[in-house]
């Protein structure tokens, strides 16, 4: 079993949690948001239970330490942190076949920032 933690920036904002909160709010009146929320939470729960062993189509390795959760068109980029923890770094909606390099780079910057503040 793994712990899931949310990346927070220097101002305390947690972009992935904020995305989930907005989905939760929209899901009260929007069926697509409700489906997205359920699928995303299920994928996060699967990551907590099985780690990266869960494999495709739920998760995929992208580059270096960066992996992606793949609920529907949403992507949550994450990395292994330490002591059986995964950190959810960045969220975006995938609109093309290939994952945009700028999204991977954003996740890497977030990981670097987090490690500077909380890593050993």
N, C-alpha and C. Protein backbone atom coordinates (compact mmCIF):
# COMPACT_ATOMS: atom_id res chain seq x y z
N UNK A 1 0.85 -1.19 0.00
CA UNK A 1 0.00 0.00 0.00
C UNK A 1 0.89 1.25 0.00
N UNK A 2 0.50 2.22 -0.79
CA UNK A 2 1.25 3.45 -0.93
C UNK A 2 0.43 4.63 -0.44
N UNK A 3 1.11 5.67 0.02
CA UNK A 3 0.43 6.92 0.38
C UNK A 3 0.47 7.85 -0.83
N UNK A 4 -0.60 8.60 -0.99
CA UNK A 4 -0.69 9.59 -2.07
C UNK A 4 -0.60 10.97 -1.44
N UNK A 5 0.32 11.78 -1.93
CA UNK A 5 0.41 13.16 -1.46
C UNK A 5 0.26 14.10 -2.65
N UNK A 6 -0.22 15.29 -2.38
CA UNK A 6 -0.44 16.28 -3.42
C UNK A 6 0.69 17.29 -3.40
N UNK A 7 1.24 17.57 -4.57
CA UNK A 7 2.23 18.63 -4.69
C UNK A 7 1.59 19.94 -4.25
N UNK A 8 2.34 20.71 -3.46
CA UNK A 8 1.91 22.07 -3.14
C UNK A 8 3.03 23.02 -3.51
N UNK A 9 2.66 24.16 -4.08
CA UNK A 9 3.67 25.13 -4.48
C UNK A 9 4.08 25.99 -3.29
N UNK A 10 4.93 26.95 -3.54
CA UNK A 10 5.48 27.79 -2.47
C UNK A 10 4.40 28.59 -1.74
N UNK A 11 3.27 28.80 -2.40
CA UNK A 11 2.16 29.55 -1.78
C UNK A 11 1.13 28.64 -1.13
N UNK A 12 1.40 27.33 -1.15
CA UNK A 12 0.48 26.39 -0.53
C UNK A 12 -0.64 25.89 -1.44
N UNK A 13 -0.64 26.30 -2.70
CA UNK A 13 -1.66 25.82 -3.64
C UNK A 13 -1.37 24.38 -4.04
N UNK A 14 -2.41 23.59 -4.16
CA UNK A 14 -2.29 22.19 -4.59
C UNK A 14 -3.08 22.02 -5.89
N UNK A 15 -2.44 22.18 -7.04
CA UNK A 15 -3.17 22.18 -8.31
C UNK A 15 -3.99 20.93 -8.59
N UNK A 16 -3.47 19.75 -8.28
CA UNK A 16 -4.22 18.53 -8.55
C UNK A 16 -5.43 18.44 -7.62
N UNK A 17 -5.25 18.76 -6.36
CA UNK A 17 -6.38 18.75 -5.43
C UNK A 17 -7.43 19.79 -5.85
N UNK A 18 -6.96 20.95 -6.30
CA UNK A 18 -7.90 21.99 -6.77
C UNK A 18 -8.70 21.49 -7.98
N UNK A 19 -8.03 20.76 -8.87
CA UNK A 19 -8.73 20.18 -10.01
C UNK A 19 -9.81 19.20 -9.53
N UNK A 20 -9.45 18.32 -8.59
CA UNK A 20 -10.42 17.35 -8.07
C UNK A 20 -11.58 18.05 -7.37
N UNK A 21 -11.27 19.10 -6.62
CA UNK A 21 -12.34 19.86 -5.96
C UNK A 21 -13.28 20.49 -6.98
N UNK A 22 -12.73 21.02 -8.07
CA UNK A 22 -13.59 21.63 -9.09
C UNK A 22 -14.44 20.57 -9.78
N UNK A 23 -13.87 19.39 -10.01
CA UNK A 23 -14.65 18.29 -10.58
C UNK A 23 -15.78 17.88 -9.64
N UNK A 24 -15.46 17.83 -8.35
CA UNK A 24 -16.47 17.46 -7.36
C UNK A 24 -17.64 18.45 -7.39
N UNK A 25 -17.31 19.72 -7.46
CA UNK A 25 -18.34 20.76 -7.51
C UNK A 25 -19.19 20.63 -8.78
N UNK A 26 -18.51 20.46 -9.93
CA UNK A 26 -19.23 20.33 -11.20
C UNK A 26 -20.07 19.06 -11.25
N UNK A 27 -19.61 18.00 -10.56
CA UNK A 27 -20.30 16.71 -10.62
C UNK A 27 -21.70 16.76 -10.01
N UNK A 28 -21.97 17.79 -9.22
CA UNK A 28 -23.30 17.92 -8.62
C UNK A 28 -24.37 18.16 -9.69
N UNK A 29 -23.97 18.77 -10.80
CA UNK A 29 -24.95 19.11 -11.84
C UNK A 29 -24.56 18.60 -13.22
N UNK A 30 -23.41 17.97 -13.36
CA UNK A 30 -22.92 17.59 -14.68
C UNK A 30 -22.51 16.12 -14.70
N UNK A 31 -23.18 15.34 -15.54
CA UNK A 31 -22.92 13.90 -15.61
C UNK A 31 -21.48 13.59 -16.05
N UNK A 32 -20.97 14.31 -17.05
CA UNK A 32 -19.59 14.07 -17.52
C UNK A 32 -18.58 14.32 -16.40
N UNK A 33 -18.79 15.37 -15.64
CA UNK A 33 -17.89 15.66 -14.51
C UNK A 33 -17.98 14.55 -13.47
N UNK A 34 -19.18 14.02 -13.25
CA UNK A 34 -19.36 12.93 -12.29
C UNK A 34 -18.60 11.69 -12.74
N UNK A 35 -18.69 11.37 -14.03
CA UNK A 35 -17.96 10.22 -14.58
C UNK A 35 -16.45 10.46 -14.46
N UNK A 36 -16.00 11.65 -14.83
CA UNK A 36 -14.58 12.00 -14.72
C UNK A 36 -14.08 11.88 -13.29
N UNK A 37 -14.84 12.39 -12.36
CA UNK A 37 -14.45 12.34 -10.95
C UNK A 37 -14.32 10.90 -10.47
N UNK A 38 -15.33 10.09 -10.76
CA UNK A 38 -15.29 8.68 -10.32
C UNK A 38 -14.09 7.95 -10.90
N UNK A 39 -13.85 8.14 -12.18
CA UNK A 39 -12.74 7.46 -12.85
C UNK A 39 -11.40 7.95 -12.28
N UNK A 40 -11.26 9.24 -12.09
CA UNK A 40 -10.01 9.80 -11.57
C UNK A 40 -9.73 9.30 -10.16
N UNK A 41 -10.73 9.32 -9.31
CA UNK A 41 -10.57 8.84 -7.93
C UNK A 41 -10.24 7.35 -7.93
N UNK A 42 -10.89 6.58 -8.81
CA UNK A 42 -10.60 5.14 -8.90
C UNK A 42 -9.15 4.90 -9.31
N UNK A 43 -8.63 5.70 -10.24
CA UNK A 43 -7.25 5.54 -10.67
C UNK A 43 -6.27 5.93 -9.56
N UNK A 44 -6.58 6.98 -8.83
CA UNK A 44 -5.72 7.37 -7.70
C UNK A 44 -5.74 6.28 -6.64
N UNK A 45 -6.91 5.71 -6.37
CA UNK A 45 -7.02 4.61 -5.41
C UNK A 45 -6.22 3.39 -5.87
N UNK A 46 -6.27 3.10 -7.17
CA UNK A 46 -5.51 1.97 -7.72
C UNK A 46 -4.01 2.22 -7.57
N UNK A 47 -3.57 3.45 -7.79
CA UNK A 47 -2.16 3.79 -7.60
C UNK A 47 -1.76 3.57 -6.14
N UNK A 48 -2.62 3.97 -5.22
CA UNK A 48 -2.34 3.79 -3.79
C UNK A 48 -2.26 2.31 -3.44
N UNK A 49 -3.07 1.50 -4.08
CA UNK A 49 -3.12 0.07 -3.77
C UNK A 49 -1.98 -0.71 -4.42
N UNK A 50 -1.71 -0.47 -5.69
CA UNK A 50 -0.79 -1.31 -6.46
C UNK A 50 0.49 -0.61 -6.93
N UNK A 51 0.55 0.69 -6.80
CA UNK A 51 1.71 1.41 -7.32
C UNK A 51 1.77 1.32 -8.83
N UNK A 52 2.95 1.43 -9.39
CA UNK A 52 3.09 1.41 -10.85
C UNK A 52 2.89 0.02 -11.44
N UNK A 53 2.80 -1.00 -10.59
CA UNK A 53 2.56 -2.36 -11.09
C UNK A 53 1.21 -2.48 -11.78
N UNK A 54 0.32 -1.53 -11.53
CA UNK A 54 -1.01 -1.60 -12.14
C UNK A 54 -0.94 -1.55 -13.66
N UNK A 55 0.06 -0.85 -14.20
CA UNK A 55 0.31 -0.85 -15.63
C UNK A 55 -0.74 -0.16 -16.49
N UNK A 56 -0.59 -0.36 -17.80
CA UNK A 56 -1.52 0.24 -18.78
C UNK A 56 -2.87 -0.47 -18.69
N UNK A 57 -3.94 0.20 -18.95
CA UNK A 57 -4.07 1.58 -19.41
C UNK A 57 -4.16 2.60 -18.28
N UNK A 58 -4.02 2.16 -17.03
CA UNK A 58 -4.18 3.08 -15.89
C UNK A 58 -3.00 4.02 -15.75
N UNK A 59 -1.80 3.50 -15.89
CA UNK A 59 -0.61 4.32 -15.69
C UNK A 59 0.43 3.99 -16.75
N UNK A 60 1.30 4.95 -17.00
CA UNK A 60 2.35 4.77 -18.00
C UNK A 60 3.56 5.61 -17.60
N UNK A 61 4.75 5.03 -17.81
CA UNK A 61 5.99 5.77 -17.56
C UNK A 61 6.21 6.74 -18.71
N UNK A 62 6.59 7.99 -18.39
CA UNK A 62 6.81 8.99 -19.44
C UNK A 62 8.28 9.31 -19.65
N UNK A 63 8.95 9.76 -18.56
CA UNK A 63 10.31 10.26 -18.73
C UNK A 63 10.96 10.37 -17.37
N UNK A 64 12.14 9.78 -17.20
CA UNK A 64 12.84 9.88 -15.92
C UNK A 64 11.97 9.38 -14.78
N UNK A 65 11.70 10.25 -13.82
CA UNK A 65 10.89 9.87 -12.66
C UNK A 65 9.40 10.12 -12.87
N UNK A 66 9.03 10.65 -14.02
CA UNK A 66 7.65 11.08 -14.25
C UNK A 66 6.81 9.96 -14.88
N UNK A 67 5.67 9.71 -14.25
CA UNK A 67 4.66 8.77 -14.72
C UNK A 67 3.36 9.53 -14.90
N UNK A 68 2.40 8.90 -15.60
CA UNK A 68 1.09 9.52 -15.74
C UNK A 68 -0.02 8.55 -15.37
N UNK A 69 -1.03 9.07 -14.68
CA UNK A 69 -2.30 8.38 -14.52
C UNK A 69 -3.15 8.81 -15.70
N UNK A 70 -3.98 7.90 -16.23
CA UNK A 70 -4.65 8.17 -17.50
C UNK A 70 -6.16 8.01 -17.46
N UNK A 71 -6.85 8.68 -16.55
CA UNK A 71 -8.31 8.56 -16.55
C UNK A 71 -8.93 9.37 -17.69
N UNK A 72 -9.54 8.67 -18.63
CA UNK A 72 -10.19 9.29 -19.78
C UNK A 72 -9.22 10.24 -20.48
N UNK A 73 -9.60 11.47 -20.78
CA UNK A 73 -8.69 12.41 -21.45
C UNK A 73 -7.82 13.16 -20.46
N UNK A 74 -8.06 12.97 -19.17
CA UNK A 74 -7.28 13.65 -18.14
C UNK A 74 -5.95 12.96 -17.94
N UNK A 75 -4.96 13.72 -17.56
CA UNK A 75 -3.66 13.17 -17.21
C UNK A 75 -3.22 13.80 -15.90
N UNK A 76 -2.80 12.95 -14.98
CA UNK A 76 -2.20 13.41 -13.73
C UNK A 76 -0.79 12.87 -13.72
N UNK A 77 0.18 13.77 -13.77
CA UNK A 77 1.58 13.37 -13.76
C UNK A 77 2.04 13.25 -12.32
N UNK A 78 2.80 12.19 -12.04
CA UNK A 78 3.22 11.91 -10.67
C UNK A 78 4.60 11.28 -10.66
N UNK A 79 5.15 11.16 -9.46
CA UNK A 79 6.46 10.52 -9.27
C UNK A 79 6.47 9.82 -7.92
N UNK A 80 7.36 8.84 -7.80
CA UNK A 80 7.59 8.21 -6.50
C UNK A 80 8.35 9.21 -5.65
N UNK A 81 7.94 9.37 -4.39
CA UNK A 81 8.62 10.34 -3.53
C UNK A 81 9.60 9.61 -2.63
N UNK A 82 9.18 9.08 -1.56
CA UNK A 82 10.03 8.28 -0.67
C UNK A 82 9.12 7.59 0.32
N UNK A 83 9.63 6.56 0.97
CA UNK A 83 8.86 5.85 1.98
C UNK A 83 7.48 5.44 1.47
N UNK A 84 7.44 4.81 0.30
CA UNK A 84 6.18 4.33 -0.29
C UNK A 84 5.15 5.42 -0.49
N UNK A 85 5.59 6.56 -1.02
CA UNK A 85 4.68 7.66 -1.30
C UNK A 85 4.79 8.05 -2.77
N UNK A 86 3.64 8.38 -3.35
CA UNK A 86 3.60 8.97 -4.68
C UNK A 86 3.12 10.40 -4.53
N UNK A 87 3.71 11.29 -5.29
CA UNK A 87 3.30 12.69 -5.25
C UNK A 87 2.64 13.06 -6.58
N UNK A 88 1.40 13.54 -6.49
CA UNK A 88 0.66 13.97 -7.67
C UNK A 88 1.10 15.39 -8.00
N UNK A 89 1.75 15.56 -9.14
CA UNK A 89 2.47 16.79 -9.45
C UNK A 89 1.72 17.79 -10.32
N UNK A 90 0.99 17.28 -11.30
CA UNK A 90 0.46 18.19 -12.33
C UNK A 90 -0.72 17.53 -13.03
N UNK A 91 -1.70 18.32 -13.42
CA UNK A 91 -2.86 17.83 -14.16
C UNK A 91 -3.03 18.61 -15.46
N UNK A 92 -3.46 17.91 -16.49
CA UNK A 92 -3.86 18.57 -17.74
C UNK A 92 -4.80 17.65 -18.50
N UNK A 93 -5.47 18.21 -19.49
CA UNK A 93 -6.34 17.43 -20.36
C UNK A 93 -5.58 17.18 -21.65
N UNK A 94 -5.43 15.91 -21.99
CA UNK A 94 -4.67 15.54 -23.18
C UNK A 94 -5.53 15.72 -24.42
N UNK A 95 -5.00 16.44 -25.39
CA UNK A 95 -5.76 16.75 -26.60
C UNK A 95 -5.11 16.19 -27.86
N UNK A 96 -3.95 15.56 -27.72
CA UNK A 96 -3.26 14.99 -28.87
C UNK A 96 -2.72 13.62 -28.50
N UNK A 97 -2.25 12.88 -29.50
CA UNK A 97 -1.74 11.53 -29.27
C UNK A 97 -0.52 11.53 -28.34
N UNK A 98 0.38 12.45 -28.56
CA UNK A 98 1.63 12.51 -27.79
C UNK A 98 1.49 13.49 -26.62
N UNK A 99 2.04 13.10 -25.48
CA UNK A 99 2.01 13.98 -24.31
C UNK A 99 2.91 15.19 -24.58
N UNK A 100 2.37 16.40 -24.48
CA UNK A 100 3.19 17.59 -24.74
C UNK A 100 4.39 17.68 -23.79
N UNK A 101 5.54 17.99 -24.37
CA UNK A 101 6.79 18.11 -23.61
C UNK A 101 6.65 19.15 -22.49
N UNK A 102 5.92 20.24 -22.75
CA UNK A 102 5.79 21.30 -21.74
C UNK A 102 5.08 20.78 -20.49
N UNK A 103 4.17 19.82 -20.64
CA UNK A 103 3.47 19.26 -19.48
C UNK A 103 4.42 18.40 -18.65
N UNK A 104 5.25 17.62 -19.32
CA UNK A 104 6.25 16.80 -18.62
C UNK A 104 7.25 17.71 -17.92
N UNK A 105 7.68 18.76 -18.59
CA UNK A 105 8.64 19.71 -17.99
C UNK A 105 8.03 20.40 -16.77
N UNK A 106 6.75 20.73 -16.83
CA UNK A 106 6.09 21.34 -15.67
C UNK A 106 6.10 20.38 -14.49
N UNK A 107 5.81 19.11 -14.74
CA UNK A 107 5.84 18.11 -13.67
C UNK A 107 7.25 17.98 -13.08
N UNK A 108 8.26 18.01 -13.94
CA UNK A 108 9.64 17.93 -13.46
C UNK A 108 10.00 19.14 -12.59
N UNK A 109 9.56 20.32 -13.02
CA UNK A 109 9.82 21.53 -12.21
C UNK A 109 9.11 21.43 -10.86
N UNK A 110 7.89 20.95 -10.87
CA UNK A 110 7.14 20.79 -9.62
C UNK A 110 7.83 19.79 -8.70
N UNK A 111 8.31 18.69 -9.27
CA UNK A 111 9.02 17.69 -8.46
C UNK A 111 10.29 18.29 -7.88
N UNK A 112 11.05 19.00 -8.69
CA UNK A 112 12.28 19.62 -8.21
C UNK A 112 11.99 20.61 -7.08
N UNK A 113 10.98 21.42 -7.26
CA UNK A 113 10.58 22.39 -6.23
C UNK A 113 10.19 21.68 -4.94
N UNK A 114 9.42 20.62 -5.07
CA UNK A 114 8.96 19.88 -3.89
C UNK A 114 10.15 19.24 -3.17
N UNK A 115 11.06 18.65 -3.94
CA UNK A 115 12.24 18.00 -3.34
C UNK A 115 13.12 19.01 -2.61
N UNK A 116 13.25 20.21 -3.16
CA UNK A 116 14.04 21.24 -2.49
C UNK A 116 13.43 21.60 -1.14
N UNK A 117 12.12 21.60 -1.07
CA UNK A 117 11.45 22.01 0.16
C UNK A 117 11.23 20.87 1.15
N UNK A 118 11.00 19.65 0.66
CA UNK A 118 10.62 18.55 1.56
C UNK A 118 11.52 17.33 1.49
N UNK A 119 12.35 17.22 0.45
CA UNK A 119 13.18 16.04 0.28
C UNK A 119 14.36 16.04 1.23
N UNK A 120 14.99 14.88 1.29
CA UNK A 120 16.18 14.76 2.16
C UNK A 120 17.43 15.09 1.42
